[in-house]
């Protein structure tokens, strides 16, 4: 019966995310932004916003261009077997934001790799720098990409911006 509770929590998280206004923007030179979050991405968004609510911070809106960037970066790290805020060519997260046509006043990125989305969020919240990104009052939008690695590990890329 434990799985019923987990399934219910995921469904509720997906409904909450579906009710939030989505910011869908065409990215300069990139493929069109996706129109929907995966179940794991919806769960990740719900966890971030629950952590923010626990600290009396407003929820972050989902920006689907940031979701596309986060998904693509997670997949690139899996495909090319690295785990870093900087690509093997030296591209930083702010370089990626510019490439996707995202403008911002403040920006941050969290990378997590763990056994599940929930475990990744716990790990990020237990790290002072990652926690600071999740709980920053400067940010108003986020995009989260979740991808599964070849050994079953879960890659979670969180992109945050404030305008």
C-alpha atoms as a PDB file:
ATOM      1  CA  UNK A   1       0.000   0.000   0.000  1.00  0.00           C
ATOM      2  CA  UNK A   2       3.024   2.296   0.370  1.00  0.00           C
ATOM      3  CA  UNK A   3       3.224   2.701  -3.397  1.00  0.00           C
ATOM      4  CA  UNK A   4      -0.358   4.040  -3.460  1.00  0.00           C
ATOM      5  CA  UNK A   5       0.696   6.978  -1.273  1.00  0.00           C
ATOM      6  CA  UNK A   6       3.713   7.677  -3.483  1.00  0.00           C
ATOM      7  CA  UNK A   7       1.577   7.492  -6.628  1.00  0.00           C
ATOM      8  CA  UNK A   8      -0.980   9.838  -5.080  1.00  0.00           C
ATOM      9  CA  UNK A   9       1.764  12.330  -4.144  1.00  0.00           C
ATOM     10  CA  UNK A  10       3.161  12.255  -7.686  1.00  0.00           C
ATOM     11  CA  UNK A  11      -0.316  12.773  -9.197  1.00  0.00           C
ATOM     12  CA  UNK A  12      -0.993  15.704  -6.871  1.00  0.00           C
ATOM     13  CA  UNK A  13       2.390  17.234  -7.737  1.00  0.00           C
ATOM     14  CA  UNK A  14       1.629  16.860 -11.448  1.00  0.00           C
ATOM     15  CA  UNK A  15      -1.756  18.558 -10.997  1.00  0.00           C
ATOM     16  CA  UNK A  16      -0.200  21.433  -9.057  1.00  0.00           C
ATOM     17  CA  UNK A  17       2.444  21.942 -11.732  1.00  0.00           C
ATOM     18  CA  UNK A  18      -0.196  21.781 -14.472  1.00  0.00           C
ATOM     19  CA  UNK A  19      -2.074  24.605 -12.764  1.00  0.00           C
ATOM     20  CA  UNK A  20       0.968  26.903 -12.663  1.00  0.00           C
ATOM     21  CA  UNK A  21       1.444  29.367 -15.503  1.00  0.00           C
ATOM     22  CA  UNK A  22       4.138  28.085 -17.824  1.00  0.00           C
ATOM     23  CA  UNK A  23       6.472  30.457 -19.565  1.00  0.00           C
ATOM     24  CA  UNK A  24       7.057  28.987 -23.023  1.00  0.00           C
ATOM     25  CA  UNK A  25       9.531  30.850 -25.173  1.00  0.00           C
ATOM     26  CA  UNK A  26      11.130  29.979 -28.481  1.00  0.00           C
ATOM     27  CA  UNK A  27      14.860  29.802 -27.895  1.00  0.00           C
ATOM     28  CA  UNK A  28      17.113  31.500 -30.417  1.00  0.00           C
ATOM     29  CA  UNK A  29      18.623  28.840 -32.637  1.00  0.00           C
ATOM     30  CA  UNK A  30      17.406  25.985 -30.439  1.00  0.00           C
ATOM     31  CA  UNK A  31      14.539  23.530 -30.849  1.00  0.00           C
ATOM     32  CA  UNK A  32      11.168  24.741 -29.575  1.00  0.00           C
ATOM     33  CA  UNK A  33      10.646  24.442 -25.846  1.00  0.00           C
ATOM     34  CA  UNK A  34       8.762  21.354 -24.642  1.00  0.00           C
ATOM     35  CA  UNK A  35       5.114  21.779 -23.697  1.00  0.00           C
ATOM     36  CA  UNK A  36       4.934  19.452 -20.677  1.00  0.00           C
ATOM     37  CA  UNK A  37       6.962  18.157 -17.770  1.00  0.00           C
ATOM     38  CA  UNK A  38       7.661  14.462 -17.238  1.00  0.00           C
ATOM     39  CA  UNK A  39       6.319  12.874 -14.040  1.00  0.00           C
ATOM     40  CA  UNK A  40       9.843  12.984 -12.516  1.00  0.00           C
ATOM     41  CA  UNK A  41      10.265  16.643 -13.500  1.00  0.00           C
ATOM     42  CA  UNK A  42       6.876  17.534 -12.001  1.00  0.00           C
ATOM     43  CA  UNK A  43       7.933  15.777  -8.795  1.00  0.00           C
ATOM     44  CA  UNK A  44      11.241  17.688  -8.767  1.00  0.00           C
ATOM     45  CA  UNK A  45       9.431  21.016  -9.236  1.00  0.00           C
ATOM     46  CA  UNK A  46       7.015  20.156  -6.418  1.00  0.00           C
ATOM     47  CA  UNK A  47       9.908  19.285  -4.105  1.00  0.00           C
ATOM     48  CA  UNK A  48      11.742  22.554  -4.822  1.00  0.00           C
ATOM     49  CA  UNK A  49       8.608  24.596  -4.247  1.00  0.00           C
ATOM     50  CA  UNK A  50       7.783  22.653  -1.064  1.00  0.00           C
ATOM     51  CA  UNK A  51      11.274  23.449   0.252  1.00  0.00           C
ATOM     52  CA  UNK A  52      10.716  27.105  -0.617  1.00  0.00           C
ATOM     53  CA  UNK A  53       7.273  27.138   1.042  1.00  0.00           C
ATOM     54  CA  UNK A  54       8.771  25.656   4.216  1.00  0.00           C
ATOM     55  CA  UNK A  55      10.981  28.767   4.333  1.00  0.00           C
ATOM     56  CA  UNK A  56       8.101  31.171   3.556  1.00  0.00           C
ATOM     57  CA  UNK A  57       9.315  31.839   0.010  1.00  0.00           C
ATOM     58  CA  UNK A  58       7.021  32.063  -3.023  1.00  0.00           C
ATOM     59  CA  UNK A  59       6.969  29.200  -5.518  1.00  0.00           C
ATOM     60  CA  UNK A  60       9.072  29.426  -8.657  1.00  0.00           C
ATOM     61  CA  UNK A  61       7.272  29.420 -12.018  1.00  0.00           C
ATOM     62  CA  UNK A  62       8.266  26.771 -14.505  1.00  0.00           C
ATOM     63  CA  UNK A  63      10.008  28.196 -17.582  1.00  0.00           C
ATOM     64  CA  UNK A  64       9.866  25.579 -20.347  1.00  0.00           C
ATOM     65  CA  UNK A  65      12.912  27.004 -22.133  1.00  0.00           C
ATOM     66  CA  UNK A  66      14.879  26.359 -18.941  1.00  0.00           C
ATOM     67  CA  UNK A  67      13.363  22.859 -18.836  1.00  0.00           C
ATOM     68  CA  UNK A  68      14.656  22.213 -22.383  1.00  0.00           C
ATOM     69  CA  UNK A  69      18.106  23.509 -21.428  1.00  0.00           C
ATOM     70  CA  UNK A  70      18.184  21.380 -18.249  1.00  0.00           C
ATOM     71  CA  UNK A  71      17.040  18.242 -20.075  1.00  0.00           C
ATOM     72  CA  UNK A  72      19.577  18.739 -22.844  1.00  0.00           C
ATOM     73  CA  UNK A  73      22.419  19.345 -20.386  1.00  0.00           C
ATOM     74  CA  UNK A  74      21.541  16.278 -18.282  1.00  0.00           C
ATOM     75  CA  UNK A  75      21.483  14.150 -21.433  1.00  0.00           C
ATOM     76  CA  UNK A  76      24.797  15.614 -22.638  1.00  0.00           C
ATOM     77  CA  UNK A  77      26.466  14.712 -19.327  1.00  0.00           C
ATOM     78  CA  UNK A  78      25.117  11.156 -19.634  1.00  0.00           C
ATOM     79  CA  UNK A  79      26.044  10.783 -23.310  1.00  0.00           C
ATOM     80  CA  UNK A  80      29.578  12.105 -22.841  1.00  0.00           C
ATOM     81  CA  UNK A  81      30.189  10.678 -19.356  1.00  0.00           C
ATOM     82  CA  UNK A  82      30.964  13.786 -17.297  1.00  0.00           C
ATOM     83  CA  UNK A  83      29.341  15.580 -14.363  1.00  0.00           C
ATOM     84  CA  UNK A  84      30.193  19.252 -14.077  1.00  0.00           C
ATOM     85  CA  UNK A  85      28.760  22.755 -14.311  1.00  0.00           C
ATOM     86  CA  UNK A  86      31.170  23.238 -17.197  1.00  0.00           C
ATOM     87  CA  UNK A  87      31.010  21.158 -20.386  1.00  0.00           C
ATOM     88  CA  UNK A  88      34.200  19.507 -21.694  1.00  0.00           C
ATOM     89  CA  UNK A  89      34.509  22.463 -24.102  1.00  0.00           C
ATOM     90  CA  UNK A  90      34.369  24.957 -21.215  1.00  0.00           C
ATOM     91  CA  UNK A  91      30.783  26.122 -21.749  1.00  0.00           C
ATOM     92  CA  UNK A  92      29.297  27.402 -18.462  1.00  0.00           C
ATOM     93  CA  UNK A  93      25.669  27.501 -17.422  1.00  0.00           C
ATOM     94  CA  UNK A  94      25.493  31.209 -18.255  1.00  0.00           C
ATOM     95  CA  UNK A  95      26.856  30.398 -21.718  1.00  0.00           C
ATOM     96  CA  UNK A  96      24.065  27.831 -22.091  1.00  0.00           C
ATOM     97  CA  UNK A  97      21.458  30.361 -20.933  1.00  0.00           C
ATOM     98  CA  UNK A  98      22.674  32.808 -23.581  1.00  0.00           C
ATOM     99  CA  UNK A  99      22.657  30.077 -26.251  1.00  0.00           C
ATOM    100  CA  UNK A 100      19.017  29.331 -25.407  1.00  0.00           C
ATOM    101  CA  UNK A 101      18.118  33.022 -25.578  1.00  0.00           C
ATOM    102  CA  UNK A 102      17.367  33.359 -21.855  1.00  0.00           C
ATOM    103  CA  UNK A 103      17.805  36.795 -20.303  1.00  0.00           C
ATOM    104  CA  UNK A 104      18.187  37.193 -16.559  1.00  0.00           C
ATOM    105  CA  UNK A 105      19.196  39.470 -13.720  1.00  0.00           C
ATOM    106  CA  UNK A 106      20.278  36.568 -11.476  1.00  0.00           C
ATOM    107  CA  UNK A 107      20.944  32.937 -12.349  1.00  0.00           C
ATOM    108  CA  UNK A 108      22.028  29.717 -10.704  1.00  0.00           C
ATOM    109  CA  UNK A 109      22.370  26.045 -11.506  1.00  0.00           C
ATOM    110  CA  UNK A 110      22.238  22.895  -9.388  1.00  0.00           C
ATOM    111  CA  UNK A 111      23.330  19.451 -10.552  1.00  0.00           C
ATOM    112  CA  UNK A 112      22.351  16.309  -8.713  1.00  0.00           C
ATOM    113  CA  UNK A 113      22.940  12.633  -9.353  1.00  0.00           C
ATOM    114  CA  UNK A 114      21.326  10.094  -7.069  1.00  0.00           C
ATOM    115  CA  UNK A 115      19.016   7.087  -6.915  1.00  0.00           C
ATOM    116  CA  UNK A 116      15.801   9.105  -7.243  1.00  0.00           C
ATOM    117  CA  UNK A 117      14.470  12.635  -7.654  1.00  0.00           C
ATOM    118  CA  UNK A 118      13.603  12.715  -3.937  1.00  0.00           C
ATOM    119  CA  UNK A 119      17.100  11.586  -2.914  1.00  0.00           C
ATOM    120  CA  UNK A 120      18.666  14.157  -5.239  1.00  0.00           C
ATOM    121  CA  UNK A 121      16.584  16.969  -3.712  1.00  0.00           C
ATOM    122  CA  UNK A 122      17.546  15.877  -0.180  1.00  0.00           C
ATOM    123  CA  UNK A 123      21.214  15.851  -1.217  1.00  0.00           C
ATOM    124  CA  UNK A 124      20.943  19.320  -2.769  1.00  0.00           C
ATOM    125  CA  UNK A 125      19.183  20.743   0.297  1.00  0.00           C
ATOM    126  CA  UNK A 126      21.956  19.321   2.517  1.00  0.00           C
ATOM    127  CA  UNK A 127      24.621  21.178   0.515  1.00  0.00           C
ATOM    128  CA  UNK A 128      24.951  24.860   1.529  1.00  0.00           C
ATOM    129  CA  UNK A 129      25.588  26.203  -1.994  1.00  0.00           C
ATOM    130  CA  UNK A 130      22.817  24.192  -3.639  1.00  0.00           C
ATOM    131  CA  UNK A 131      20.423  24.996  -0.793  1.00  0.00           C
ATOM    132  CA  UNK A 132      21.174  28.700  -1.296  1.00  0.00           C
ATOM    133  CA  UNK A 133      20.093  28.422  -4.949  1.00  0.00           C
ATOM    134  CA  UNK A 134      16.858  26.606  -4.079  1.00  0.00           C
ATOM    135  CA  UNK A 135      16.009  29.130  -1.353  1.00  0.00           C
ATOM    136  CA  UNK A 136      17.168  32.302  -3.107  1.00  0.00           C
ATOM    137  CA  UNK A 137      14.608  35.102  -3.066  1.00  0.00           C
ATOM    138  CA  UNK A 138      16.281  36.490  -6.224  1.00  0.00           C
ATOM    139  CA  UNK A 139      14.867  33.706  -8.394  1.00  0.00           C
ATOM    140  CA  UNK A 140      11.352  33.725  -9.855  1.00  0.00           C
ATOM    141  CA  UNK A 141      11.584  30.993 -12.520  1.00  0.00           C
ATOM    142  CA  UNK A 142      13.083  27.544 -12.825  1.00  0.00           C
ATOM    143  CA  UNK A 143      13.506  24.699 -15.221  1.00  0.00           C
ATOM    144  CA  UNK A 144      14.316  21.171 -14.142  1.00  0.00           C
ATOM    145  CA  UNK A 145      15.467  18.359 -16.383  1.00  0.00           C
ATOM    146  CA  UNK A 146      15.522  14.762 -15.171  1.00  0.00           C
ATOM    147  CA  UNK A 147      17.261  12.005 -17.103  1.00  0.00           C
ATOM    148  CA  UNK A 148      18.190   8.421 -16.229  1.00  0.00           C
ATOM    149  CA  UNK A 149      21.798   7.299 -16.555  1.00  0.00           C
ATOM    150  CA  UNK A 150      22.960   3.932 -17.887  1.00  0.00           C
ATOM    151  CA  UNK A 151      23.374   2.419 -14.402  1.00  0.00           C
ATOM    152  CA  UNK A 152      19.936   3.574 -13.220  1.00  0.00           C
ATOM    153  CA  UNK A 153      21.173   6.765 -11.584  1.00  0.00           C
ATOM    154  CA  UNK A 154      18.984   9.859 -11.863  1.00  0.00           C
ATOM    155  CA  UNK A 155      20.494  13.106 -13.158  1.00  0.00           C
ATOM    156  CA  UNK A 156      18.676  16.235 -11.994  1.00  0.00           C
ATOM    157  CA  UNK A 157      19.609  19.613 -13.492  1.00  0.00           C
ATOM    158  CA  UNK A 158      17.974  22.649 -11.879  1.00  0.00           C
ATOM    159  CA  UNK A 159      18.206  26.026 -13.640  1.00  0.00           C
ATOM    160  CA  UNK A 160      17.107  29.168 -11.783  1.00  0.00           C
ATOM    161  CA  UNK A 161      16.669  32.727 -12.998  1.00  0.00           C
ATOM    162  CA  UNK A 162      15.383  36.037 -11.723  1.00  0.00           C
ATOM    163  CA  UNK A 163      14.467  38.848 -14.088  1.00  0.00           C
END
